[in-house]
Amino acid sequence: SIVGMVGRADTGDGGEIYLMAGESTSKSASGGKVSIISGQGSSSGMSNGGNGGDMIIFAGQGRGSNREANSGGNVYIHGGDADSGAGGFVEIQTGSSKTASSGDMSLITPDAGISGVTGDVTVQSGHATNGNSGVISMISGNGSNGAGGTILLSVGSGHAGTGGPKKGGNITLTAGSMVGSKIDILEGGSIVLNSGGTERNQFGTSYHKEEKSGAILISSLKTRGESGKVFINTGDAGKSGHVLLQSGDAVSGSSGGLSFNTGDAQESTGDVRFEIGTSDFGHGGNIYMHSGNSFGNNMKGGEIKINAGSTKVNGIGGSALINAGDGSKGGDIEISAGKSSSTIGGNLHISGGSSSSSSSGFVNIITKSINNADRSGDIMAVTGKSISGAAGDINLSAGDGFREGGRININAGSSNTGKSGDIQ
């Protein structure tokens, strides 16, 4: 072995060791290299051959008792500075292997003492004065006969001590902001989350039903209390951005569904709300619900189904309410069946609910009463005109009954001061 050691100092700092390569003043030449290489384990024995020697770089221990002033020595690895060109880079690389795995790399701050905290790990590119700042890349390698390596970002668990914080650590992903003059067209950086796709090699190019891209799961974890909320929203702005939830197009099968579900509960279940913000000076925004079109032969367009919730044990089924907006003139409600290009148009059915043990539900068509001197609204039942055929009929039929058939009552309105209404 070769040992180089500086003697101990009892009153001042310990002696220093400098290893410095030679300077070069020649054109197109470089300064001398400094190479520190640990020894080979050159034995090629199959049972237990040689191992390469370790390289250990330790900063000095700090034995002082003052927590603020006394610390262990630092380790600096610094690429060379340059006056005109790029500064020297720093590459830390694990060893390769001809037949086995390459070496692992760990960047770890050790556990803290009984009254301290663990050290931070910072990976940061430098600031740029005339161009883009440096990229930070975290890339796992490709796999052969296996999957690519996982990238895991995980915050450690915390323990709530007396008087300590009661909230776990956060993971924050923030894209870059842009700063410029008033005439610049600026756009902040995007955050893109893409799951892994699949790609066929030259021997497998056909569609396979079991071939699918990876899922993206955004969820708050379960807890015995209240689980965390999930917010997806665009930021406040002069004109705020859209939120688009869309399943992808399908080349040969069905496109994916879009589900809005609240969880089951022992008490009341959560609401699903579609609500548009208030406008101070413009029109209120619309809500469009449009089922899918179909261009297939003898196929039908998608349905829109609105079902109120059912109940058991002497409960009452939920109501389905459609209310037009209030205003100086109230909003209309228009229900129209579909048009037909070759046969009859769609029918419009309004029926009360059936009952297995009591009366079926009523169908009430009523205009609201008013308290002023104007007249209440009309009820009109009119069939459409026919240019070349017969106009449609209006049929009023009461139901058959085992004990008594239903009646048809037509009553004109009474008046307190004028003439009562006619039946014509």
Protein backbone atom coordinates (compact mmCIF):
# COMPACT_ATOMS: atom_id res chain seq x y z
CA SER A 1 0.00 0.00 0.00
CA ILE A 2 0.94 3.63 -0.45
CA VAL A 3 -0.21 5.88 2.35
CA GLY A 4 -0.04 9.66 2.14
CA MET A 5 -1.02 11.36 5.36
CA VAL A 6 -0.61 14.83 6.84
CA GLY A 7 0.29 15.07 10.49
CA ARG A 8 -2.12 16.00 13.25
CA ALA A 9 -2.41 19.62 14.47
CA ASP A 10 -3.13 20.25 18.14
CA THR A 11 -3.78 24.00 17.97
CA GLY A 12 -4.76 24.96 14.39
CA ASP A 13 -6.36 23.41 11.31
CA GLY A 14 -5.16 20.06 10.06
CA GLY A 15 -2.71 20.06 7.15
CA GLU A 16 -4.01 20.00 3.58
CA ILE A 17 -3.27 17.66 0.67
CA TYR A 18 -3.23 19.07 -2.85
CA LEU A 19 -3.15 16.89 -5.95
CA MET A 20 -2.83 19.20 -8.93
CA ALA A 21 -2.04 18.35 -12.53
CA GLY A 22 0.20 20.57 -14.60
CA GLU A 23 -0.83 23.66 -16.47
CA SER A 24 -0.43 23.86 -20.26
CA THR A 25 0.32 27.14 -22.08
CA SER A 26 0.39 25.55 -25.54
CA LYS A 27 -2.32 26.29 -28.12
CA SER A 28 -5.07 23.65 -28.57
CA ALA A 29 -3.76 21.74 -25.55
CA SER A 30 -5.41 20.84 -22.27
CA GLY A 31 -4.24 20.89 -18.72
CA GLY A 32 -3.08 17.58 -17.30
CA LYS A 33 -5.56 15.01 -16.03
CA VAL A 34 -5.86 13.75 -12.48
CA SER A 35 -6.85 10.08 -12.42
CA ILE A 36 -7.55 8.19 -9.24
CA ILE A 37 -8.29 4.57 -10.09
CA SER A 38 -8.84 1.78 -7.62
CA GLY A 39 -7.28 -1.59 -8.34
CA GLN A 40 -8.65 -4.42 -10.44
CA GLY A 41 -9.58 -7.80 -9.08
CA SER A 42 -7.93 -9.66 -11.95
CA SER A 43 -8.61 -13.23 -10.83
CA SER A 44 -11.05 -14.91 -13.24
CA GLY A 45 -11.82 -17.90 -11.04
CA MET A 46 -15.33 -19.30 -11.51
CA SER A 47 -15.98 -20.14 -7.87
CA ASN A 48 -14.95 -16.82 -6.35
CA GLY A 49 -12.96 -14.53 -8.65
CA GLY A 50 -11.55 -11.11 -7.92
CA ASN A 51 -13.58 -7.98 -7.08
CA GLY A 52 -12.70 -4.45 -8.12
CA GLY A 53 -11.38 -2.27 -5.34
CA ASP A 54 -13.65 0.32 -3.73
CA MET A 55 -13.04 4.04 -4.00
CA ILE A 56 -14.00 5.88 -0.84
CA ILE A 57 -14.02 9.66 -0.54
CA PHE A 58 -14.78 10.81 2.98
CA ALA A 59 -14.88 14.35 4.26
CA GLY A 60 -13.55 14.81 7.77
CA GLN A 61 -15.68 14.29 10.84
CA GLY A 62 -16.65 17.23 13.00
CA ARG A 63 -16.31 16.37 16.67
CA GLY A 64 -17.38 19.75 18.07
CA SER A 65 -20.36 19.98 20.44
CA ASN A 66 -21.88 23.22 19.10
CA ARG A 67 -24.80 22.29 16.82
CA GLU A 68 -24.75 25.64 15.02
CA ALA A 69 -20.99 26.10 14.53
CA ASN A 70 -19.55 22.57 14.27
CA SER A 71 -20.36 20.34 11.29
CA GLY A 72 -18.81 17.57 9.24
CA GLY A 73 -16.63 18.49 6.28
CA ASN A 74 -18.17 19.03 2.84
CA VAL A 75 -17.48 17.15 -0.39
CA TYR A 76 -17.27 19.30 -3.52
CA ILE A 77 -17.17 17.88 -7.04
CA HIS A 78 -16.85 20.76 -9.45
CA GLY A 79 -16.46 20.79 -13.22
CA GLY A 80 -13.87 23.20 -14.61
CA ASP A 81 -14.75 26.82 -15.30
CA ALA A 82 -14.24 28.29 -18.79
CA ASP A 83 -13.73 31.88 -19.96
CA SER A 84 -15.37 31.52 -23.40
CA GLY A 85 -16.65 27.98 -24.01
CA ALA A 86 -18.92 25.78 -21.93
CA GLY A 87 -17.92 24.83 -18.43
CA GLY A 88 -16.79 21.26 -17.83
CA PHE A 89 -19.50 18.71 -17.08
CA VAL A 90 -19.72 16.35 -14.12
CA GLU A 91 -20.59 12.75 -14.89
CA ILE A 92 -21.17 10.17 -12.19
CA GLN A 93 -21.63 6.73 -13.68
CA THR A 94 -21.89 3.28 -12.16
CA GLY A 95 -19.91 0.38 -13.49
CA SER A 96 -21.05 -1.79 -16.37
CA SER A 97 -21.04 -5.58 -16.55
CA LYS A 98 -20.50 -7.90 -19.54
CA THR A 99 -22.89 -10.58 -18.23
CA ALA A 100 -24.78 -9.26 -15.19
CA SER A 101 -26.49 -6.06 -14.06
CA SER A 102 -24.90 -2.63 -14.11
CA GLY A 103 -24.28 -1.06 -10.72
CA ASP A 104 -26.94 0.79 -8.73
CA MET A 105 -26.68 4.48 -7.96
CA SER A 106 -27.92 5.93 -4.69
CA LEU A 107 -28.11 9.60 -3.77
CA ILE A 108 -29.02 9.57 -0.10
CA THR A 109 -28.88 11.88 2.87
CA PRO A 110 -28.44 9.73 5.99
CA ASP A 111 -30.82 9.48 8.90
CA ALA A 112 -30.84 12.43 11.27
CA GLY A 113 -29.75 12.49 14.87
CA ILE A 114 -32.13 12.44 17.82
CA SER A 115 -32.91 16.16 17.61
CA GLY A 116 -32.31 17.10 13.96
CA VAL A 117 -33.86 16.70 10.51
CA THR A 118 -32.52 14.86 7.49
CA GLY A 119 -30.67 16.83 4.83
CA ASP A 120 -32.31 18.05 1.63
CA VAL A 121 -31.59 16.64 -1.82
CA THR A 122 -31.57 19.35 -4.49
CA VAL A 123 -31.25 18.72 -8.22
CA GLN A 124 -31.20 22.08 -9.96
CA SER A 125 -30.01 23.45 -13.28
CA GLY A 126 -28.38 26.86 -13.25
CA HIS A 127 -29.88 30.20 -14.24
CA ALA A 128 -29.30 31.39 -17.81
CA THR A 129 -28.60 35.00 -18.76
CA ASN A 130 -29.12 34.64 -22.55
CA GLY A 131 -31.04 31.49 -23.48
CA ASN A 132 -32.85 28.56 -21.97
CA SER A 133 -31.89 27.18 -18.59
CA GLY A 134 -30.67 23.59 -18.48
CA VAL A 135 -33.00 20.59 -18.71
CA ILE A 136 -33.39 18.15 -15.82
CA SER A 137 -34.04 14.65 -17.15
CA MET A 138 -35.12 11.58 -15.19
CA ILE A 139 -35.18 8.70 -17.65
CA SER A 140 -35.13 4.99 -16.94
CA GLY A 141 -33.54 2.72 -19.52
CA ASN A 142 -35.23 0.54 -22.12
CA GLY A 143 -35.86 -3.10 -21.24
CA SER A 144 -35.08 -6.12 -23.38
CA ASN A 145 -37.22 -9.16 -22.53
CA GLY A 146 -38.57 -7.03 -19.70
CA ALA A 147 -40.27 -3.75 -18.86
CA GLY A 148 -38.62 -0.35 -18.74
CA GLY A 149 -37.65 0.71 -15.23
CA THR A 150 -40.21 2.41 -13.00
CA ILE A 151 -39.78 6.03 -11.93
CA LEU A 152 -41.12 6.42 -8.41
CA LEU A 153 -41.75 9.75 -6.70
CA SER A 154 -42.81 9.07 -3.15
CA VAL A 155 -42.89 11.24 -0.03
CA GLY A 156 -41.99 9.50 3.19
CA SER A 157 -44.51 8.92 5.93
CA GLY A 158 -44.55 11.30 8.88
CA HIS A 159 -45.21 10.72 12.55
CA ALA A 160 -47.27 13.32 14.41
CA GLY A 161 -45.42 14.01 17.61
CA THR A 162 -46.43 16.40 20.37
CA GLY A 163 -46.83 19.87 18.87
CA GLY A 164 -45.56 18.73 15.47
CA PRO A 165 -47.19 19.10 12.03
CA LYS A 166 -50.27 17.00 11.38
CA LYS A 167 -50.12 16.96 7.58
CA GLY A 168 -48.07 14.73 5.30
CA GLY A 169 -45.50 16.10 2.86
CA ASN A 170 -46.63 17.38 -0.54
CA ILE A 171 -45.58 16.59 -4.10
CA THR A 172 -45.70 19.76 -6.19
CA LEU A 173 -45.33 19.81 -9.97
CA THR A 174 -45.13 23.35 -11.32
CA ALA A 175 -44.36 24.21 -14.93
CA GLY A 176 -42.33 27.30 -15.74
CA SER A 177 -43.77 30.82 -15.92
CA MET A 178 -42.87 33.30 -18.65
CA VAL A 179 -42.00 36.94 -18.05
CA GLY A 180 -41.89 39.46 -20.91
CA SER A 181 -42.95 42.88 -22.12
CA LYS A 182 -46.51 43.98 -22.83
CA ILE A 183 -46.14 43.33 -26.57
CA ASP A 184 -44.88 39.75 -26.19
CA ILE A 185 -47.23 36.80 -26.70
CA LEU A 186 -46.51 34.71 -23.63
CA GLU A 187 -47.54 31.22 -22.60
CA GLY A 188 -46.60 29.35 -19.46
CA GLY A 189 -45.16 25.84 -19.66
CA SER A 190 -47.43 22.80 -19.79
CA ILE A 191 -47.57 19.74 -17.55
CA VAL A 192 -48.06 16.61 -19.65
CA LEU A 193 -48.94 13.23 -18.12
CA ASN A 194 -48.80 10.40 -20.65
CA SER A 195 -49.24 6.74 -19.85
CA GLY A 196 -47.16 4.18 -21.72
CA GLY A 197 -48.28 3.01 -25.14
CA THR A 198 -47.68 -0.21 -27.07
CA GLU A 199 -45.83 -0.73 -30.30
CA ARG A 200 -45.81 -3.84 -32.46
CA ASN A 201 -42.58 -5.16 -33.93
CA GLN A 202 -42.28 -6.10 -37.60
CA PHE A 203 -43.82 -9.54 -36.98
CA GLY A 204 -46.97 -8.30 -35.23
CA THR A 205 -48.82 -5.41 -36.87
CA SER A 206 -52.46 -6.48 -36.53
CA TYR A 207 -54.90 -5.19 -33.92
CA HIS A 208 -55.12 -7.28 -30.76
CA LYS A 209 -57.94 -6.85 -28.26
CA GLU A 210 -55.63 -7.38 -25.28
CA GLU A 211 -53.26 -4.63 -26.45
CA LYS A 212 -53.87 -1.39 -24.56
CA SER A 213 -52.01 1.63 -23.30
CA GLY A 214 -51.47 2.16 -19.60
CA ALA A 215 -53.98 3.84 -17.29
CA ILE A 216 -53.60 7.22 -15.57
CA LEU A 217 -54.95 7.16 -12.03
CA ILE A 218 -55.40 10.35 -10.01
CA SER A 219 -56.89 9.61 -6.62
CA SER A 220 -56.64 10.61 -3.00
CA LEU A 221 -55.89 7.70 -0.71
CA LYS A 222 -58.41 6.08 1.59
CA THR A 223 -58.58 7.00 5.27
CA ARG A 224 -60.80 6.28 8.23
CA GLY A 225 -62.00 9.89 8.20
CA GLU A 226 -62.73 12.00 5.13
CA SER A 227 -60.75 11.22 1.99
CA GLY A 228 -59.01 14.11 0.23
CA LYS A 229 -60.64 16.15 -2.51
CA VAL A 230 -59.51 16.05 -6.15
CA PHE A 231 -59.53 19.39 -7.97
CA ILE A 232 -59.15 19.78 -11.74
CA ASN A 233 -59.48 23.41 -12.68
CA THR A 234 -57.96 25.99 -14.99
CA GLY A 235 -56.52 29.13 -13.45
CA ASP A 236 -58.23 32.49 -13.18
CA ALA A 237 -57.48 34.73 -16.18
CA GLY A 238 -58.89 37.41 -18.46
CA LYS A 239 -60.40 34.44 -20.32
CA SER A 240 -60.12 31.19 -18.44
CA GLY A 241 -59.14 27.98 -20.24
CA HIS A 242 -61.31 25.00 -21.14
CA VAL A 243 -61.49 21.75 -19.19
CA LEU A 244 -61.82 18.84 -21.63
CA LEU A 245 -62.60 15.30 -20.55
CA GLN A 246 -62.70 13.09 -23.60
CA SER A 247 -62.20 9.44 -24.40
CA GLY A 248 -60.12 8.61 -27.45
CA ASP A 249 -61.35 7.70 -30.93
CA ALA A 250 -61.63 3.99 -31.71
CA VAL A 251 -60.35 2.61 -35.01
CA SER A 252 -62.10 -0.77 -35.00
CA GLY A 253 -64.06 -1.12 -31.74
CA SER A 254 -66.17 1.03 -29.43
CA SER A 255 -64.85 4.28 -28.03
CA GLY A 256 -64.38 4.51 -24.27
CA GLY A 257 -67.17 5.65 -21.97
CA LEU A 258 -67.12 8.70 -19.70
CA SER A 259 -68.44 8.13 -16.19
CA PHE A 260 -69.19 10.57 -13.38
CA ASN A 261 -69.85 8.51 -10.27
CA THR A 262 -70.08 9.39 -6.60
CA GLY A 263 -69.27 6.68 -4.09
CA ASP A 264 -71.70 4.57 -2.10
CA ALA A 265 -72.50 5.74 1.44
CA GLN A 266 -74.32 4.57 4.55
CA GLU A 267 -75.81 8.05 4.87
CA SER A 268 -76.53 10.41 1.94
CA THR A 269 -74.60 9.86 -1.28
CA GLY A 270 -72.78 12.76 -2.94
CA ASP A 271 -74.33 14.96 -5.63
CA VAL A 272 -73.24 15.21 -9.26
CA ARG A 273 -73.52 18.84 -10.33
CA PHE A 274 -73.18 20.44 -13.74
CA GLU A 275 -73.26 24.14 -13.03
CA ILE A 276 -72.24 27.09 -15.19
CA GLY A 277 -70.80 30.27 -13.75
CA THR A 278 -72.62 33.59 -13.59
CA SER A 279 -72.02 36.23 -16.29
CA ASP A 280 -72.05 39.93 -15.32
CA PHE A 281 -72.70 41.41 -18.79
CA GLY A 282 -73.11 38.60 -21.36
CA HIS A 283 -75.41 35.62 -21.85
CA GLY A 284 -75.37 32.74 -19.43
CA GLY A 285 -73.53 29.67 -20.69
CA ASN A 286 -75.43 26.71 -22.14
CA ILE A 287 -75.43 23.06 -21.08
CA TYR A 288 -75.45 20.70 -24.05
CA MET A 289 -76.23 17.01 -23.67
CA HIS A 290 -75.97 15.27 -27.01
CA SER A 291 -76.07 11.50 -27.44
CA GLY A 292 -74.04 9.88 -30.17
CA ASN A 293 -74.95 9.89 -33.85
CA SER A 294 -74.92 6.67 -35.85
CA PHE A 295 -74.30 6.36 -39.59
CA GLY A 296 -74.67 2.56 -39.72
CA ASN A 297 -77.41 0.84 -41.72
CA ASN A 298 -80.52 0.12 -39.59
CA MET A 299 -78.76 1.48 -36.51
CA LYS A 300 -80.24 4.08 -34.16
CA GLY A 301 -78.78 7.14 -32.49
CA GLY A 302 -77.85 7.04 -28.84
CA GLU A 303 -80.47 7.67 -26.15
CA ILE A 304 -80.52 10.27 -23.40
CA LYS A 305 -81.82 8.76 -20.18
CA ILE A 306 -82.53 10.75 -17.03
CA ASN A 307 -83.58 8.50 -14.18
CA ALA A 308 -84.29 9.69 -10.66
CA GLY A 309 -83.15 7.43 -7.83
CA SER A 310 -85.26 4.57 -6.46
CA THR A 311 -85.77 3.75 -2.80
CA LYS A 312 -86.88 0.83 -0.65
CA VAL A 313 -88.68 0.28 2.68
CA ASN A 314 -91.68 2.65 2.34
CA GLY A 315 -89.58 5.46 0.83
CA ILE A 316 -90.44 7.85 -1.99
CA GLY A 317 -88.70 7.72 -5.36
CA GLY A 318 -86.69 10.77 -6.37
CA SER A 319 -88.28 13.43 -8.55
CA ALA A 320 -87.02 14.52 -11.97
CA LEU A 321 -87.33 18.31 -12.20
CA ILE A 322 -86.75 20.43 -15.29
CA ASN A 323 -87.14 24.13 -14.59
CA ALA A 324 -86.61 26.95 -17.06
CA GLY A 325 -84.89 30.10 -15.77
CA ASP A 326 -86.67 33.07 -14.20
CA GLY A 327 -86.49 36.52 -15.85
CA SER A 328 -88.51 39.50 -17.04
CA LYS A 329 -89.84 36.83 -19.43
CA GLY A 330 -89.53 33.31 -18.10
CA GLY A 331 -87.53 30.82 -20.13
CA ASP A 332 -89.29 28.22 -22.29
CA ILE A 333 -89.22 24.44 -22.00
CA GLU A 334 -89.42 22.75 -25.37
CA ILE A 335 -89.67 18.99 -25.75
CA SER A 336 -89.61 17.78 -29.35
CA ALA A 337 -89.48 14.29 -30.79
CA GLY A 338 -87.06 13.64 -33.65
CA LYS A 339 -87.70 14.47 -37.30
CA SER A 340 -87.85 11.76 -39.99
CA SER A 341 -86.55 11.97 -43.55
CA SER A 342 -88.50 8.98 -44.90
CA THR A 343 -91.05 7.56 -42.38
CA ILE A 344 -93.05 8.98 -39.46
CA GLY A 345 -91.48 11.35 -36.94
CA GLY A 346 -90.72 10.27 -33.38
CA ASN A 347 -93.53 10.00 -30.82
CA LEU A 348 -93.85 11.98 -27.59
CA HIS A 349 -95.03 9.96 -24.59
CA ILE A 350 -95.92 11.51 -21.23
CA SER A 351 -97.22 9.03 -18.68
CA GLY A 352 -97.66 8.77 -14.94
CA GLY A 353 -95.90 5.99 -13.10
CA SER A 354 -97.47 2.58 -12.64
CA SER A 355 -98.16 1.01 -9.25
CA SER A 356 -98.39 -2.64 -8.23
CA SER A 357 -100.70 -2.02 -5.25
CA SER A 358 -102.34 1.45 -5.57
CA SER A 359 -103.40 4.05 -8.16
CA SER A 360 -101.11 4.95 -11.03
CA GLY A 361 -99.65 8.45 -11.02
CA PHE A 362 -101.45 11.56 -12.30
CA VAL A 363 -100.51 13.54 -15.40
CA ASN A 364 -101.13 17.22 -14.67
CA ILE A 365 -100.74 19.92 -17.32
CA ILE A 366 -101.34 23.19 -15.51
CA THR A 367 -100.52 26.85 -16.13
CA LYS A 368 -99.64 28.85 -13.06
CA SER A 369 -102.12 31.09 -11.25
CA ILE A 370 -101.40 34.84 -11.21
CA ASN A 371 -102.29 37.62 -8.78
CA ASN A 372 -102.42 40.59 -11.17
CA ALA A 373 -105.08 41.82 -13.62
CA ASP A 374 -103.68 39.90 -16.63
CA ARG A 375 -104.85 36.46 -17.72
CA SER A 376 -103.33 33.12 -16.83
CA GLY A 377 -101.60 31.10 -19.55
CA ASP A 378 -103.44 29.04 -22.17
CA ILE A 379 -103.25 25.30 -22.73
CA MET A 380 -103.34 24.37 -26.39
CA ALA A 381 -103.67 20.92 -27.92
CA VAL A 382 -103.25 21.33 -31.68
CA THR A 383 -102.41 18.79 -34.37
CA GLY A 384 -100.25 19.88 -37.26
CA LYS A 385 -101.48 20.84 -40.70
CA SER A 386 -101.15 18.46 -43.66
CA ILE A 387 -100.52 19.85 -47.16
CA SER A 388 -101.50 16.75 -49.15
CA GLY A 389 -102.88 14.24 -46.61
CA ALA A 390 -105.12 14.11 -43.52
CA ALA A 391 -104.46 16.18 -40.43
CA GLY A 392 -103.91 14.35 -37.15
CA ASP A 393 -106.74 13.64 -34.68
CA ILE A 394 -107.09 14.66 -31.03
CA ASN A 395 -108.31 11.72 -28.96
CA LEU A 396 -109.48 12.01 -25.35
CA SER A 397 -110.14 8.59 -23.86
CA ALA A 398 -110.87 7.64 -20.26
CA GLY A 399 -109.65 4.26 -19.09
CA ASP A 400 -111.71 1.09 -18.71
CA GLY A 401 -112.42 -0.09 -15.18
CA PHE A 402 -113.65 -3.25 -13.49
CA ARG A 403 -116.04 -1.38 -11.16
CA GLU A 404 -116.38 1.92 -13.02
CA GLY A 405 -114.91 3.42 -16.18
CA GLY A 406 -113.07 6.72 -16.02
CA ARG A 407 -114.85 10.02 -16.75
CA ILE A 408 -113.95 12.89 -19.04
CA ASN A 409 -114.73 16.22 -17.39
CA ILE A 410 -114.59 19.45 -19.38
CA ASN A 411 -115.25 22.52 -17.24
CA ALA A 412 -115.10 26.17 -18.28
CA GLY A 413 -113.75 28.65 -15.74
CA SER A 414 -115.97 30.80 -13.54
CA SER A 415 -115.61 34.58 -13.06
CA ASN A 416 -116.19 36.81 -10.03
CA THR A 417 -117.06 39.96 -11.98
CA GLY A 418 -117.54 39.09 -15.65
CA LYS A 419 -118.75 36.33 -17.92
CA SER A 420 -117.70 32.76 -17.22
CA GLY A 421 -115.79 30.84 -19.87
CA ASP A 422 -117.47 29.04 -22.77
CA ILE A 423 -117.13 25.48 -23.99
CA GLN A 424 -117.03 25.58 -27.82
